[in-house]
Amino acid sequence: MSKAIIIVGATETGKTTFVKNMIKRVPNKGALFIYDINNEYSEYFPYKLLDIDDFMEKTQFISKGVFVLEEATIYLNNRSSNKYLVDLMTRKRHTFNTIILVFHSMRAVPRYIYELSNYIVIFKTNDSPDMTSRELKDDRLEGIMTRVKAHKNMHYHEVLKIY
């Protein structure tokens, strides 16, 4: 199975817990490749942190892997694209890889990542639902983000199938 999943939410909304629960279901823990600048996943991936480009380059020929890019807000931006990530996401159907990218804000999700993804999990953010909908050119986002924002449970989230 191959897919790309974007996880978006403000601090303390449950993003990392959500991803860790996903990881628990991965049958082959040796197929996990986690880029984690805060060392929150050391029980799953206890290796030295590389530069993001080095990490992505070294994982280019992996298949049947699960990639988690925690805190993607810090090293991926809207002004440029990471050629290795584009390649990894574009070839996911052929390599059977799953890519999980974690962001703090919808504004931080580069459009090319949104367009190459299959799902987005939306926790509470400080983003404007209507602006996000316009920027990513997906009218469904406004209603989902409005519902999530209004929900009383801080850890409430909704999943949107992008494509």
N, C-alpha and C. Protein backbone atom coordinates (compact mmCIF):
# COMPACT_ATOMS: atom_id res chain seq x y z
N MET A 1 0.85 -1.17 0.00
CA MET A 1 0.00 0.00 0.00
C MET A 1 0.90 1.24 0.00
N SER A 2 0.51 2.23 -0.75
CA SER A 2 1.29 3.46 -0.82
C SER A 2 0.36 4.64 -0.63
N LYS A 3 0.86 5.63 0.10
CA LYS A 3 0.07 6.85 0.29
C LYS A 3 0.95 7.92 0.90
N ALA A 4 0.47 9.14 0.77
CA ALA A 4 1.12 10.28 1.41
C ALA A 4 0.06 10.95 2.27
N ILE A 5 0.41 11.16 3.53
CA ILE A 5 -0.53 11.71 4.50
C ILE A 5 0.06 12.96 5.12
N ILE A 6 -0.71 14.02 5.11
CA ILE A 6 -0.31 15.26 5.78
C ILE A 6 -1.05 15.31 7.11
N ILE A 7 -0.33 15.60 8.18
CA ILE A 7 -0.92 15.78 9.50
C ILE A 7 -0.68 17.25 9.86
N VAL A 8 -1.74 17.98 10.19
CA VAL A 8 -1.60 19.41 10.50
C VAL A 8 -2.31 19.71 11.82
N GLY A 9 -1.61 20.45 12.68
CA GLY A 9 -2.24 20.88 13.92
C GLY A 9 -1.31 21.72 14.76
N ALA A 10 -1.88 22.54 15.58
CA ALA A 10 -1.10 23.39 16.48
C ALA A 10 -0.43 22.52 17.55
N THR A 11 0.46 23.11 18.31
CA THR A 11 1.13 22.43 19.40
C THR A 11 0.11 21.89 20.40
N GLU A 12 0.36 20.69 20.91
CA GLU A 12 -0.46 20.04 21.94
C GLU A 12 -1.85 19.63 21.46
N THR A 13 -2.02 19.41 20.16
CA THR A 13 -3.32 18.95 19.67
C THR A 13 -3.38 17.44 19.47
N GLY A 14 -2.24 16.76 19.55
CA GLY A 14 -2.22 15.30 19.44
C GLY A 14 -1.62 14.75 18.17
N LYS A 15 -0.90 15.55 17.42
CA LYS A 15 -0.31 15.09 16.16
C LYS A 15 0.68 13.94 16.38
N THR A 16 1.62 14.11 17.28
CA THR A 16 2.65 13.09 17.51
C THR A 16 2.03 11.80 18.04
N THR A 17 1.10 11.91 18.95
CA THR A 17 0.41 10.74 19.48
C THR A 17 -0.32 10.01 18.36
N PHE A 18 -0.97 10.75 17.48
CA PHE A 18 -1.68 10.18 16.34
C PHE A 18 -0.70 9.40 15.46
N VAL A 19 0.44 10.01 15.14
CA VAL A 19 1.43 9.36 14.28
C VAL A 19 2.01 8.13 14.97
N LYS A 20 2.32 8.23 16.26
CA LYS A 20 2.85 7.07 16.99
C LYS A 20 1.86 5.91 16.98
N ASN A 21 0.57 6.20 17.08
CA ASN A 21 -0.44 5.14 17.00
C ASN A 21 -0.47 4.51 15.61
N MET A 22 -0.20 5.30 14.58
CA MET A 22 -0.09 4.75 13.23
C MET A 22 1.13 3.84 13.13
N ILE A 23 2.24 4.29 13.69
CA ILE A 23 3.50 3.54 13.63
C ILE A 23 3.37 2.19 14.35
N LYS A 24 2.62 2.16 15.43
CA LYS A 24 2.44 0.90 16.18
C LYS A 24 1.87 -0.19 15.30
N ARG A 25 1.13 0.18 14.25
CA ARG A 25 0.51 -0.80 13.36
C ARG A 25 1.41 -1.22 12.19
N VAL A 26 2.60 -0.63 12.10
CA VAL A 26 3.53 -1.01 11.03
C VAL A 26 4.13 -2.35 11.40
N PRO A 27 3.92 -3.39 10.58
CA PRO A 27 4.40 -4.72 10.95
C PRO A 27 5.93 -4.85 10.95
N ASN A 28 6.60 -4.19 10.04
CA ASN A 28 8.06 -4.29 9.94
C ASN A 28 8.68 -2.98 10.43
N LYS A 29 9.04 -2.93 11.70
CA LYS A 29 9.59 -1.69 12.27
C LYS A 29 10.93 -1.33 11.62
N GLY A 30 11.60 -2.27 10.98
CA GLY A 30 12.83 -1.98 10.26
C GLY A 30 12.60 -1.16 9.00
N ALA A 31 11.35 -1.04 8.59
CA ALA A 31 11.00 -0.27 7.40
C ALA A 31 10.65 1.18 7.75
N LEU A 32 10.87 1.57 9.00
CA LEU A 32 10.57 2.95 9.44
C LEU A 32 11.76 3.86 9.20
N PHE A 33 11.50 5.02 8.63
CA PHE A 33 12.52 6.04 8.40
C PHE A 33 11.94 7.35 8.91
N ILE A 34 12.46 7.80 10.04
CA ILE A 34 11.85 8.94 10.73
C ILE A 34 12.85 10.08 10.82
N TYR A 35 12.42 11.24 10.34
CA TYR A 35 13.22 12.45 10.49
C TYR A 35 12.58 13.25 11.61
N ASP A 36 13.27 13.28 12.75
CA ASP A 36 12.67 13.78 13.99
C ASP A 36 13.64 14.69 14.72
N ILE A 37 13.52 15.98 14.53
CA ILE A 37 14.47 16.92 15.13
C ILE A 37 14.31 17.05 16.64
N ASN A 38 13.16 16.62 17.18
CA ASN A 38 12.93 16.73 18.62
C ASN A 38 13.14 15.41 19.37
N ASN A 39 13.56 14.38 18.65
CA ASN A 39 13.85 13.08 19.26
C ASN A 39 12.63 12.49 19.98
N GLU A 40 11.46 12.65 19.42
CA GLU A 40 10.23 12.12 20.02
C GLU A 40 9.95 10.68 19.61
N TYR A 41 10.66 10.18 18.64
CA TYR A 41 10.41 8.83 18.12
C TYR A 41 11.62 7.93 18.31
N SER A 42 12.45 8.20 19.28
CA SER A 42 13.70 7.45 19.45
C SER A 42 13.46 5.96 19.69
N GLU A 43 12.32 5.59 20.24
CA GLU A 43 12.05 4.16 20.45
C GLU A 43 11.82 3.43 19.13
N TYR A 44 11.48 4.17 18.08
CA TYR A 44 11.25 3.58 16.76
C TYR A 44 12.43 3.78 15.80
N PHE A 45 13.16 4.87 15.97
CA PHE A 45 14.24 5.20 15.04
C PHE A 45 15.36 5.88 15.83
N PRO A 46 16.23 5.07 16.47
CA PRO A 46 17.25 5.62 17.39
C PRO A 46 18.57 6.02 16.72
N TYR A 47 18.47 6.61 15.55
CA TYR A 47 19.69 6.93 14.81
C TYR A 47 19.99 8.42 14.85
N LYS A 48 21.25 8.75 14.57
CA LYS A 48 21.72 10.13 14.56
C LYS A 48 20.96 10.93 13.50
N LEU A 49 20.59 12.16 13.86
CA LEU A 49 19.88 13.04 12.94
C LEU A 49 20.84 13.58 11.89
N LEU A 50 20.47 13.42 10.63
CA LEU A 50 21.24 13.95 9.51
C LEU A 50 20.62 15.26 9.04
N ASP A 51 21.30 15.94 8.16
CA ASP A 51 20.70 17.07 7.46
C ASP A 51 19.54 16.51 6.64
N ILE A 52 18.46 17.28 6.49
CA ILE A 52 17.27 16.78 5.80
C ILE A 52 17.59 16.31 4.38
N ASP A 53 18.41 17.05 3.65
CA ASP A 53 18.74 16.63 2.28
C ASP A 53 19.53 15.32 2.27
N ASP A 54 20.45 15.16 3.23
CA ASP A 54 21.21 13.91 3.33
C ASP A 54 20.28 12.74 3.66
N PHE A 55 19.36 12.97 4.59
CA PHE A 55 18.39 11.94 4.96
C PHE A 55 17.57 11.53 3.75
N MET A 56 17.03 12.52 3.03
CA MET A 56 16.19 12.23 1.88
C MET A 56 16.99 11.54 0.76
N GLU A 57 18.21 11.98 0.56
CA GLU A 57 19.03 11.37 -0.49
C GLU A 57 19.34 9.90 -0.16
N LYS A 58 19.64 9.62 1.10
CA LYS A 58 19.98 8.25 1.50
C LYS A 58 18.78 7.31 1.44
N THR A 59 17.57 7.85 1.46
CA THR A 59 16.38 7.00 1.45
C THR A 59 15.71 6.92 0.08
N GLN A 60 16.33 7.45 -0.95
CA GLN A 60 15.71 7.51 -2.28
C GLN A 60 15.38 6.15 -2.88
N PHE A 61 16.12 5.12 -2.56
CA PHE A 61 15.90 3.84 -3.22
C PHE A 61 15.24 2.81 -2.31
N ILE A 62 14.61 3.31 -1.26
CA ILE A 62 13.89 2.44 -0.32
C ILE A 62 12.52 2.11 -0.93
N SER A 63 12.08 0.90 -0.72
CA SER A 63 10.71 0.54 -1.09
C SER A 63 10.06 -0.17 0.08
N LYS A 64 8.75 -0.12 0.12
CA LYS A 64 7.95 -0.71 1.19
C LYS A 64 8.32 -0.12 2.55
N GLY A 65 8.64 1.18 2.55
CA GLY A 65 9.00 1.86 3.78
C GLY A 65 7.90 2.81 4.25
N VAL A 66 8.03 3.21 5.48
CA VAL A 66 7.16 4.22 6.07
C VAL A 66 8.05 5.37 6.49
N PHE A 67 7.84 6.52 5.90
CA PHE A 67 8.64 7.71 6.17
C PHE A 67 7.80 8.68 6.99
N VAL A 68 8.37 9.14 8.10
CA VAL A 68 7.72 10.16 8.92
C VAL A 68 8.64 11.37 8.94
N LEU A 69 8.12 12.50 8.51
CA LEU A 69 8.87 13.75 8.55
C LEU A 69 8.19 14.65 9.57
N GLU A 70 8.65 14.52 10.81
CA GLU A 70 8.11 15.29 11.93
C GLU A 70 8.62 16.72 11.85
N GLU A 71 7.81 17.67 12.28
CA GLU A 71 8.18 19.10 12.28
C GLU A 71 8.57 19.58 10.87
N ALA A 72 7.85 19.11 9.88
CA ALA A 72 8.15 19.48 8.49
C ALA A 72 8.03 20.98 8.26
N THR A 73 7.30 21.66 9.12
CA THR A 73 7.17 23.11 9.03
C THR A 73 8.53 23.79 9.03
N ILE A 74 9.49 23.22 9.76
CA ILE A 74 10.80 23.85 9.92
C ILE A 74 11.65 23.77 8.66
N TYR A 75 11.63 22.64 7.97
CA TYR A 75 12.59 22.46 6.88
C TYR A 75 11.96 22.36 5.48
N LEU A 76 10.64 22.39 5.39
CA LEU A 76 9.99 22.47 4.09
C LEU A 76 9.24 23.79 4.04
N ASN A 77 9.35 24.48 2.92
CA ASN A 77 8.66 25.77 2.85
C ASN A 77 7.96 25.95 1.52
N ASN A 78 7.17 26.98 1.43
CA ASN A 78 6.38 27.25 0.23
C ASN A 78 7.18 27.89 -0.90
N ARG A 79 8.39 28.32 -0.64
CA ARG A 79 9.16 29.03 -1.67
C ARG A 79 9.99 28.11 -2.56
N SER A 80 10.22 26.89 -2.11
CA SER A 80 11.01 25.97 -2.91
C SER A 80 10.53 24.55 -2.64
N SER A 81 10.98 23.64 -3.47
CA SER A 81 10.59 22.24 -3.24
C SER A 81 11.85 21.41 -2.98
N ASN A 82 11.67 20.35 -2.24
CA ASN A 82 12.76 19.42 -1.96
C ASN A 82 12.70 18.35 -3.05
N LYS A 83 13.70 18.32 -3.91
CA LYS A 83 13.66 17.41 -5.07
C LYS A 83 13.56 15.95 -4.65
N TYR A 84 14.19 15.60 -3.54
CA TYR A 84 14.13 14.22 -3.07
C TYR A 84 12.73 13.87 -2.58
N LEU A 85 12.09 14.79 -1.89
CA LEU A 85 10.75 14.55 -1.40
C LEU A 85 9.76 14.47 -2.57
N VAL A 86 9.91 15.34 -3.55
CA VAL A 86 9.04 15.28 -4.73
C VAL A 86 9.17 13.91 -5.39
N ASP A 87 10.40 13.45 -5.54
CA ASP A 87 10.64 12.15 -6.16
C ASP A 87 10.03 11.03 -5.32
N LEU A 88 10.26 11.06 -4.02
CA LEU A 88 9.72 10.04 -3.12
C LEU A 88 8.19 10.00 -3.20
N MET A 89 7.56 11.17 -3.20
CA MET A 89 6.10 11.23 -3.24
C MET A 89 5.55 10.86 -4.61
N THR A 90 6.23 11.24 -5.65
CA THR A 90 5.77 10.94 -7.00
C THR A 90 5.84 9.44 -7.28
N ARG A 91 6.88 8.80 -6.77
CA ARG A 91 7.09 7.37 -7.05
C ARG A 91 6.44 6.44 -6.02
N LYS A 92 5.70 6.97 -5.04
CA LYS A 92 5.18 6.15 -3.95
C LYS A 92 4.33 4.97 -4.42
N ARG A 93 3.60 5.13 -5.49
CA ARG A 93 2.77 4.04 -6.00
C ARG A 93 3.63 2.87 -6.50
N HIS A 94 4.79 3.19 -7.03
CA HIS A 94 5.67 2.16 -7.57
C HIS A 94 6.59 1.56 -6.52
N THR A 95 6.89 2.33 -5.49
CA THR A 95 7.80 1.84 -4.44
C THR A 95 7.05 1.30 -3.22
N PHE A 96 5.73 1.49 -3.19
CA PHE A 96 4.90 1.03 -2.08
C PHE A 96 5.29 1.70 -0.77
N ASN A 97 5.73 2.94 -0.85
CA ASN A 97 6.09 3.70 0.35
C ASN A 97 4.90 4.49 0.87
N THR A 98 4.91 4.70 2.17
CA THR A 98 3.95 5.58 2.82
C THR A 98 4.75 6.74 3.40
N ILE A 99 4.29 7.95 3.13
CA ILE A 99 4.98 9.16 3.59
C ILE A 99 4.02 9.93 4.49
N ILE A 100 4.48 10.27 5.69
CA ILE A 100 3.68 11.03 6.65
C ILE A 100 4.44 12.31 6.96
N LEU A 101 3.81 13.45 6.68
CA LEU A 101 4.44 14.76 6.90
C LEU A 101 3.64 15.52 7.95
N VAL A 102 4.33 16.00 8.98
CA VAL A 102 3.66 16.66 10.10
C VAL A 102 3.99 18.16 10.08
N PHE A 103 2.94 18.97 10.05
CA PHE A 103 3.05 20.43 10.01
C PHE A 103 2.27 21.05 11.16
N HIS A 104 2.64 22.26 11.55
CA HIS A 104 1.93 22.99 12.59
C HIS A 104 0.82 23.87 12.04
N SER A 105 0.89 24.16 10.76
CA SER A 105 -0.04 25.13 10.18
C SER A 105 -0.36 24.75 8.75
N MET A 106 -1.56 25.02 8.32
CA MET A 106 -1.92 24.79 6.92
C MET A 106 -1.13 25.73 6.02
N ARG A 107 -0.83 26.92 6.52
CA ARG A 107 -0.05 27.88 5.72
C ARG A 107 1.34 27.35 5.39
N ALA A 108 1.83 26.44 6.21
CA ALA A 108 3.18 25.90 6.02
C ALA A 108 3.22 24.73 5.04
N VAL A 109 2.08 24.20 4.66
CA VAL A 109 2.04 23.06 3.75
C VAL A 109 2.26 23.57 2.32
N PRO A 110 3.38 23.22 1.72
CA PRO A 110 3.60 23.65 0.34
C PRO A 110 2.55 23.03 -0.60
N ARG A 111 2.15 23.81 -1.55
CA ARG A 111 1.10 23.35 -2.47
C ARG A 111 1.50 22.05 -3.18
N TYR A 112 2.77 21.92 -3.58
CA TYR A 112 3.18 20.71 -4.28
C TYR A 112 3.02 19.48 -3.39
N ILE A 113 3.21 19.63 -2.08
CA ILE A 113 3.02 18.50 -1.17
C ILE A 113 1.54 18.16 -1.08
N TYR A 114 0.71 19.18 -0.97
CA TYR A 114 -0.74 18.96 -0.92
C TYR A 114 -1.20 18.21 -2.17
N GLU A 115 -0.72 18.63 -3.31
CA GLU A 115 -1.14 18.03 -4.58
C GLU A 115 -0.63 16.60 -4.77
N LEU A 116 0.46 16.24 -4.10
CA LEU A 116 1.01 14.89 -4.22
C LEU A 116 0.53 13.96 -3.10
N SER A 117 -0.32 14.47 -2.22
CA SER A 117 -0.77 13.68 -1.07
C SER A 117 -2.14 13.05 -1.32
N ASN A 118 -2.41 12.02 -0.52
CA ASN A 118 -3.69 11.32 -0.62
C ASN A 118 -4.67 11.72 0.48
N TYR A 119 -4.14 12.02 1.67
CA TYR A 119 -4.99 12.35 2.81
C TYR A 119 -4.39 13.51 3.58
N ILE A 120 -5.28 14.23 4.27
CA ILE A 120 -4.82 15.24 5.22
C ILE A 120 -5.64 15.05 6.50
N VAL A 121 -4.93 15.00 7.61
CA VAL A 121 -5.57 14.89 8.92
C VAL A 121 -5.44 16.27 9.56
N ILE A 122 -6.59 16.87 9.86
CA ILE A 122 -6.60 18.25 10.33
C ILE A 122 -7.00 18.31 11.80
N PHE A 123 -6.05 18.74 12.62
CA PHE A 123 -6.31 19.05 14.02
C PHE A 123 -6.52 20.56 14.10
N LYS A 124 -6.76 21.07 15.28
CA LYS A 124 -6.94 22.52 15.43
C LYS A 124 -5.67 23.27 15.03
N THR A 125 -5.85 24.37 14.30
CA THR A 125 -4.75 25.25 13.92
C THR A 125 -5.19 26.69 14.13
N ASN A 126 -4.27 27.61 13.94
CA ASN A 126 -4.62 29.03 14.00
C ASN A 126 -4.87 29.60 12.61
N ASP A 127 -4.98 28.73 11.63
CA ASP A 127 -5.17 29.16 10.25
C ASP A 127 -6.60 29.67 10.01
N SER A 128 -6.71 30.52 9.03
CA SER A 128 -8.02 30.99 8.56
C SER A 128 -8.56 29.94 7.59
N PRO A 129 -9.72 29.33 7.89
CA PRO A 129 -10.26 28.30 7.01
C PRO A 129 -10.50 28.78 5.57
N ASP A 130 -11.04 29.98 5.42
CA ASP A 130 -11.33 30.45 4.06
C ASP A 130 -10.05 30.75 3.28
N MET A 131 -9.04 31.30 3.95
CA MET A 131 -7.77 31.60 3.28
C MET A 131 -7.07 30.30 2.87
N THR A 132 -7.07 29.32 3.74
CA THR A 132 -6.45 28.04 3.44
C THR A 132 -7.13 27.39 2.24
N SER A 133 -8.44 27.43 2.23
CA SER A 133 -9.20 26.86 1.13
C SER A 133 -8.83 27.52 -0.19
N ARG A 134 -8.69 28.84 -0.17
CA ARG A 134 -8.30 29.57 -1.40
C ARG A 134 -6.88 29.25 -1.82
N GLU A 135 -5.94 29.26 -0.85
CA GLU A 135 -4.53 29.04 -1.17
C GLU A 135 -4.27 27.64 -1.73
N LEU A 136 -4.92 26.64 -1.16
CA LEU A 136 -4.70 25.27 -1.63
C LEU A 136 -5.71 24.85 -2.69
N LYS A 137 -6.61 25.78 -3.04
CA LYS A 137 -7.60 25.55 -4.10
C LYS A 137 -8.42 24.28 -3.85
N ASP A 138 -8.92 24.15 -2.62
CA ASP A 138 -9.76 23.02 -2.26
C ASP A 138 -10.88 23.55 -1.35
N ASP A 139 -12.06 23.71 -1.91
CA ASP A 139 -13.19 24.29 -1.18
C ASP A 139 -13.63 23.46 0.02
N ARG A 140 -13.32 22.18 0.04
CA ARG A 140 -13.72 21.32 1.15
C ARG A 140 -13.02 21.68 2.45
N LEU A 141 -11.85 22.29 2.35
CA LEU A 141 -11.06 22.59 3.55
C LEU A 141 -11.74 23.58 4.48
N GLU A 142 -12.43 24.56 3.92
CA GLU A 142 -13.03 25.60 4.76
C GLU A 142 -14.01 25.01 5.77
N GLY A 143 -14.91 24.16 5.31
CA GLY A 143 -15.90 23.56 6.21
C GLY A 143 -15.27 22.65 7.25
N ILE A 144 -14.31 21.84 6.82
CA ILE A 144 -13.65 20.91 7.74
C ILE A 144 -12.88 21.68 8.81
N MET A 145 -12.11 22.67 8.38
CA MET A 145 -11.32 23.44 9.35
C MET A 145 -12.22 24.22 10.31
N THR A 146 -13.33 24.71 9.82
CA THR A 146 -14.27 25.44 10.68
C THR A 146 -14.85 24.50 11.74
N ARG A 147 -15.23 23.28 11.34
CA ARG A 147 -15.77 22.30 12.30
C ARG A 147 -14.72 21.91 13.34
N VAL A 148 -13.51 21.66 12.89
CA VAL A 148 -12.44 21.26 13.81
C VAL A 148 -12.16 22.39 14.80
N LYS A 149 -12.07 23.60 14.27
CA LYS A 149 -11.77 24.76 15.13
C LYS A 149 -12.85 24.98 16.19
N ALA A 150 -14.10 24.73 15.83
CA ALA A 150 -15.22 24.96 16.75
C ALA A 150 -15.41 23.84 17.76
N HIS A 151 -14.83 22.69 17.52
CA HIS A 151 -15.03 21.55 18.40
C HIS A 151 -14.40 21.80 19.77
N LYS A 152 -15.06 21.37 20.83
CA LYS A 152 -14.58 21.62 22.19
C LYS A 152 -13.37 20.76 22.57
N ASN A 153 -13.23 19.59 21.96
CA ASN A 153 -12.13 18.69 22.27
C ASN A 153 -10.86 19.16 21.56
N MET A 154 -9.82 19.47 22.31
CA MET A 154 -8.57 19.98 21.76
C MET A 154 -7.92 18.98 20.79
N HIS A 155 -8.17 17.68 20.98
CA HIS A 155 -7.54 16.65 20.17
C HIS A 155 -8.43 16.17 19.02
N TYR A 156 -9.56 16.81 18.84
CA TYR A 156 -10.47 16.43 17.77
C TYR A 156 -9.80 16.70 16.41
N HIS A 157 -10.02 15.81 15.46
CA HIS A 157 -9.48 15.97 14.12
C HIS A 157 -10.42 15.36 13.11
N GLU A 158 -10.24 15.73 11.88
CA GLU A 158 -10.98 15.14 10.77
C GLU A 158 -10.00 14.77 9.68
N VAL A 159 -10.39 13.76 8.90
CA VAL A 159 -9.55 13.28 7.81
C VAL A 159 -10.24 13.61 6.49
N LEU A 160 -9.45 14.15 5.57
CA LEU A 160 -9.96 14.48 4.23
C LEU A 160 -9.17 13.67 3.21
N LYS A 161 -9.88 12.93 2.38
CA LYS A 161 -9.21 12.24 1.27
C LYS A 161 -9.04 13.27 0.16
N ILE A 162 -7.79 13.55 -0.19
CA ILE A 162 -7.50 14.57 -1.18
C ILE A 162 -7.75 14.03 -2.58
N TYR A 163 -7.14 12.91 -2.89
CA TYR A 163 -7.32 12.29 -4.21
C TYR A 163 -7.53 10.82 -4.06
